[in-house]
Amino acid sequence: MLVAIGRRPNTGGLGLDKTGLGLNKKGQIEVDHRFATAVPGIWAIGDVVPGLMLAHKAMDEGIAVAENIAGQIGIVNHAVIPSVVYTHPEIAGVGLTEEEARTRGEIKVGKFPFAANSPAKTNRDTDGFVKVVADAETDRVLGVHIISTLAGTMIAQAAQGMEFGVTSEDIAYTCHAHPTHSEALKEAAMAVTGKPIHM
């Protein structure tokens, strides 16, 4: 059973009242795209700012804010931050869900089950699937969702590709080692156009 009761930013004891920095309705510190607050010289990242409350998001924001403070350009693309539910099997996703994508326009969806993946079958670990959601016109990948014992590891390839505007065709035509679980992502991308090999 998964119980998700939510979390709140832990801003107590930071002395924000002495800085003149207020909180929004959710108790978060508002920042701009550079992670600067409304008070000059005060920057904020991680769980105290709006967005996903994930350690890897906070780590990337930490690097970006340090670069911004140093006068460089530090950015985080919040649209491609992967999330993982550490259950067995794991559930991982990056980008838009199929439902979210449908509200924005026409999409194509490819899905591939681990029951058809060679190493998953060999290891008797066939629960789950990979789903690729792509824009119907441009083929740009809008979201990838994986259920597998290796989902948390596999989602990195999808996030990296989406960071650079990958299409489902790009993933489908990228050679993946065989036999590996990552082939399921390739097959799901191939399924976007109805051409998976092993189904």
Foldseek 3Di string as FASTA:
>chain_A
DDDDPDDADDCPPVPVVVQVFDAPPRQAFEAPQQQHGPRPPDGDFARRHDADRDPVRRVLSVVSNVCVVVVHGRGDDRQFDKDWDQDVQIKIKGFDDPVRVVVVHDKFKFKFWQCLAVVCVVVVFGPKIKMWIAHPPPQFTGMIIIGGNCRVVLSVVVSVCNVVRHGLVNLLPDDDDPRDPNVRSNQRSCCSVPGRDRD
